[in-house]
N, C-alpha and C. Protein backbone atom coordinates (compact mmCIF):
# COMPACT_ATOMS: atom_id res chain seq x y z
N MET A 1 27.65 123.19 56.07
CA MET A 1 28.95 123.68 56.50
C MET A 1 29.35 124.87 55.63
N ARG A 2 30.03 125.81 56.28
CA ARG A 2 30.55 126.96 55.56
C ARG A 2 32.01 127.13 55.95
N LEU A 3 32.87 127.32 54.97
CA LEU A 3 34.30 127.51 55.21
C LEU A 3 34.64 128.94 54.87
N GLY A 4 35.35 129.61 55.79
CA GLY A 4 35.72 131.00 55.54
C GLY A 4 36.83 131.44 56.46
N ALA A 5 37.20 132.69 56.34
CA ALA A 5 38.26 133.25 57.17
C ALA A 5 37.87 133.17 58.64
N ASP A 6 38.85 132.84 59.49
CA ASP A 6 38.61 132.77 60.93
C ASP A 6 38.53 134.20 61.47
N PRO A 7 37.37 134.60 62.00
CA PRO A 7 37.23 135.98 62.47
C PRO A 7 38.07 136.28 63.71
N GLU A 8 38.58 135.26 64.38
CA GLU A 8 39.37 135.46 65.60
C GLU A 8 40.87 135.46 65.32
N ALA A 9 41.29 135.27 64.07
CA ALA A 9 42.71 135.21 63.72
C ALA A 9 43.07 136.36 62.80
N GLU A 10 44.38 136.56 62.65
CA GLU A 10 44.86 137.52 61.66
C GLU A 10 44.42 137.02 60.29
N PRO A 11 44.00 137.90 59.39
CA PRO A 11 43.59 137.43 58.06
C PRO A 11 44.72 136.72 57.31
N TYR A 12 45.92 137.30 57.31
CA TYR A 12 47.08 136.73 56.63
C TYR A 12 48.32 137.05 57.44
N VAL A 13 49.32 136.19 57.33
CA VAL A 13 50.62 136.46 57.94
C VAL A 13 51.68 136.13 56.90
N ILE A 14 52.61 137.07 56.64
CA ILE A 14 53.68 136.85 55.67
C ILE A 14 55.00 136.73 56.42
N GLN A 15 55.86 135.80 55.96
CA GLN A 15 57.17 135.61 56.58
C GLN A 15 58.16 135.15 55.51
N VAL A 16 59.39 135.65 55.61
CA VAL A 16 60.46 135.30 54.67
C VAL A 16 61.46 134.41 55.39
N HIS A 17 61.88 133.32 54.71
CA HIS A 17 62.85 132.37 55.27
C HIS A 17 64.04 132.29 54.32
N CYS A 18 65.26 132.43 54.85
CA CYS A 18 66.47 132.27 54.05
C CYS A 18 66.68 130.78 53.79
N THR A 19 66.82 130.39 52.52
CA THR A 19 67.02 128.97 52.20
C THR A 19 68.47 128.54 52.37
N SER A 20 69.37 129.48 52.64
CA SER A 20 70.77 129.14 52.88
C SER A 20 71.05 128.80 54.33
N CYS A 21 70.49 129.61 55.25
CA CYS A 21 70.82 129.41 56.67
C CYS A 21 69.61 129.17 57.56
N GLY A 22 68.41 129.34 57.03
CA GLY A 22 67.21 129.10 57.82
C GLY A 22 66.73 130.28 58.64
N ALA A 23 67.45 131.41 58.59
CA ALA A 23 66.99 132.59 59.32
C ALA A 23 65.64 133.03 58.76
N ALA A 24 64.85 133.68 59.59
CA ALA A 24 63.51 134.09 59.14
C ALA A 24 63.17 135.47 59.69
N SER A 25 62.40 136.19 58.91
CA SER A 25 61.89 137.48 59.35
C SER A 25 60.82 137.25 60.41
N ASP A 26 60.49 138.30 61.13
CA ASP A 26 59.37 138.22 62.06
C ASP A 26 58.09 138.07 61.24
N PRO A 27 57.14 137.26 61.70
CA PRO A 27 55.86 137.17 60.99
C PRO A 27 55.18 138.54 60.98
N ALA A 28 54.66 138.93 59.83
CA ALA A 28 54.02 140.24 59.69
C ALA A 28 52.54 140.04 59.35
N PRO A 29 51.64 140.32 60.30
CA PRO A 29 50.21 140.20 60.01
C PRO A 29 49.76 141.22 58.96
N GLU A 30 48.87 140.78 58.09
CA GLU A 30 48.34 141.63 57.03
C GLU A 30 46.82 141.59 57.04
N ARG A 31 46.21 142.65 56.59
CA ARG A 31 44.75 142.67 56.40
C ARG A 31 44.39 142.18 55.01
N VAL A 32 45.24 142.51 54.03
CA VAL A 32 45.03 142.05 52.65
C VAL A 32 46.37 141.48 52.16
N PRO A 33 46.36 140.46 51.30
CA PRO A 33 47.62 139.87 50.83
C PRO A 33 48.52 140.92 50.18
N GLY A 34 49.79 140.91 50.55
CA GLY A 34 50.76 141.82 49.97
C GLY A 34 50.92 143.14 50.69
N GLU A 35 50.07 143.39 51.66
CA GLU A 35 50.09 144.67 52.38
C GLU A 35 51.45 144.91 53.06
N ARG A 36 52.06 143.87 53.59
CA ARG A 36 53.34 144.00 54.29
C ARG A 36 54.50 143.49 53.44
N ARG A 37 54.28 143.36 52.15
CA ARG A 37 55.32 142.82 51.26
C ARG A 37 56.60 143.64 51.32
N ALA A 38 56.49 144.95 51.38
CA ALA A 38 57.68 145.81 51.41
C ALA A 38 58.53 145.48 52.64
N LYS A 39 57.91 145.24 53.77
CA LYS A 39 58.66 144.90 54.99
C LYS A 39 59.40 143.58 54.79
N ALA A 40 58.75 142.59 54.18
CA ALA A 40 59.38 141.29 53.92
C ALA A 40 60.54 141.45 52.94
N GLU A 41 60.35 142.26 51.89
CA GLU A 41 61.41 142.49 50.92
C GLU A 41 62.60 143.19 51.55
N GLU A 42 62.35 144.16 52.41
CA GLU A 42 63.43 144.87 53.11
C GLU A 42 64.25 143.91 53.95
N TRP A 43 63.58 142.98 54.63
CA TRP A 43 64.29 142.01 55.46
C TRP A 43 65.20 141.16 54.58
N ALA A 44 64.68 140.64 53.46
CA ALA A 44 65.47 139.78 52.57
C ALA A 44 66.68 140.54 52.01
N LEU A 45 66.47 141.77 51.59
CA LEU A 45 67.57 142.55 51.04
C LEU A 45 68.64 142.83 52.09
N ALA A 46 68.22 143.15 53.31
CA ALA A 46 69.17 143.40 54.39
C ALA A 46 69.94 142.12 54.74
N HIS A 47 69.23 140.98 54.75
CA HIS A 47 69.87 139.71 55.07
C HIS A 47 70.88 139.34 53.98
N THR A 48 70.54 139.57 52.73
CA THR A 48 71.46 139.28 51.62
C THR A 48 72.72 140.13 51.72
N GLY A 49 72.58 141.34 52.21
CA GLY A 49 73.71 142.25 52.31
C GLY A 49 74.75 141.84 53.34
N LYS A 50 74.42 140.90 54.23
CA LYS A 50 75.35 140.46 55.26
C LYS A 50 76.01 139.17 54.80
N ALA A 51 77.34 139.19 54.66
CA ALA A 51 78.07 137.98 54.27
C ALA A 51 78.18 137.04 55.46
N ASP A 52 78.12 135.73 55.20
CA ASP A 52 78.28 134.75 56.28
C ASP A 52 79.77 134.51 56.56
N ALA A 53 80.10 133.57 57.42
CA ALA A 53 81.48 133.32 57.82
C ALA A 53 82.37 132.93 56.64
N GLN A 54 81.80 132.36 55.60
CA GLN A 54 82.57 131.98 54.41
C GLN A 54 82.62 133.10 53.36
N GLY A 55 82.07 134.26 53.68
CA GLY A 55 82.07 135.39 52.77
C GLY A 55 80.99 135.33 51.71
N ARG A 56 80.04 134.39 51.84
CA ARG A 56 78.96 134.26 50.86
C ARG A 56 77.75 135.09 51.28
N HIS A 57 77.05 135.60 50.29
CA HIS A 57 75.80 136.31 50.53
C HIS A 57 74.65 135.36 50.27
N HIS A 58 73.67 135.35 51.12
CA HIS A 58 72.51 134.46 50.98
C HIS A 58 71.52 135.12 50.03
N THR A 59 71.18 134.43 48.95
CA THR A 59 70.33 135.03 47.92
C THR A 59 69.04 134.25 47.66
N GLY A 60 68.82 133.14 48.34
CA GLY A 60 67.60 132.35 48.13
C GLY A 60 66.65 132.48 49.31
N TYR A 61 65.37 132.67 49.00
CA TYR A 61 64.36 132.87 50.05
C TYR A 61 63.08 132.12 49.74
N ARG A 62 62.41 131.71 50.78
CA ARG A 62 61.07 131.12 50.67
C ARG A 62 60.13 132.07 51.41
N VAL A 63 59.07 132.46 50.75
CA VAL A 63 58.09 133.36 51.36
C VAL A 63 56.84 132.53 51.65
N THR A 64 56.36 132.63 52.88
CA THR A 64 55.12 131.94 53.22
C THR A 64 54.06 132.97 53.58
N VAL A 65 52.88 132.72 53.06
CA VAL A 65 51.71 133.52 53.43
C VAL A 65 50.73 132.55 54.07
N THR A 66 50.41 132.80 55.31
CA THR A 66 49.54 131.91 56.08
C THR A 66 48.16 132.53 56.19
N MET A 67 47.15 131.71 55.93
CA MET A 67 45.75 132.13 56.08
C MET A 67 45.11 131.22 57.12
N PHE A 68 44.16 131.75 57.85
CA PHE A 68 43.46 130.97 58.88
C PHE A 68 42.00 130.84 58.50
N TRP A 69 41.51 129.62 58.47
CA TRP A 69 40.12 129.35 58.11
C TRP A 69 39.39 128.74 59.28
N ARG A 70 38.08 128.83 59.23
CA ARG A 70 37.23 128.18 60.23
C ARG A 70 36.00 127.63 59.51
N VAL A 71 35.61 126.43 59.91
CA VAL A 71 34.39 125.82 59.39
C VAL A 71 33.26 126.18 60.35
N SER A 72 32.18 126.69 59.80
CA SER A 72 31.00 127.01 60.59
C SER A 72 29.90 126.03 60.19
N PRO A 73 29.60 125.08 61.07
CA PRO A 73 28.54 124.13 60.74
C PRO A 73 27.17 124.79 60.81
N SER A 74 26.27 124.31 60.00
CA SER A 74 24.92 124.86 60.01
C SER A 74 24.08 124.24 61.13
N GLU A 75 24.62 123.21 61.76
CA GLU A 75 23.95 122.60 62.91
C GLU A 75 25.03 122.08 63.86
N GLU A 76 24.66 121.76 65.08
CA GLU A 76 25.61 121.27 66.07
C GLU A 76 26.21 119.95 65.61
N ILE A 77 27.56 119.86 65.58
CA ILE A 77 28.18 118.63 65.12
C ILE A 77 28.97 117.93 66.24
N ASP A 78 29.23 118.62 67.34
CA ASP A 78 29.96 118.00 68.45
C ASP A 78 28.96 117.21 69.31
N PRO A 79 29.45 116.11 69.93
CA PRO A 79 28.56 115.38 70.81
C PRO A 79 28.15 116.24 72.01
N PRO A 80 26.97 115.99 72.55
CA PRO A 80 26.57 116.79 73.72
C PRO A 80 27.52 116.52 74.89
N ALA A 81 27.71 117.55 75.70
CA ALA A 81 28.56 117.41 76.88
C ALA A 81 27.90 116.43 77.86
N PRO A 82 28.70 115.55 78.47
CA PRO A 82 28.12 114.61 79.42
C PRO A 82 27.56 115.34 80.64
N ASP A 83 26.48 114.79 81.20
CA ASP A 83 25.91 115.37 82.42
C ASP A 83 26.90 115.16 83.55
N ARG A 84 27.07 116.18 84.33
CA ARG A 84 28.00 116.08 85.47
C ARG A 84 27.18 116.10 86.76
N PRO A 85 27.59 115.26 87.69
CA PRO A 85 26.87 115.25 88.97
C PRO A 85 26.99 116.50 89.76
């Protein structure tokens, strides 16, 4: 078995989530980690600049970077397809 990046998926996706209200930036696909970091930072700064109904500014964020992997077996591991009439 070999584990590696899924060639059919985006290499990485970065997204920012506000920990105060749950709002989130659009997912930004990246070729290398951090490539779209500026876009994520701009979203967080713009979101912080908007006060909510209570006049508070949201200042806490969770950043997620998603990677997609695929296992490539060195031999067939799925059962053979049943014969169909």
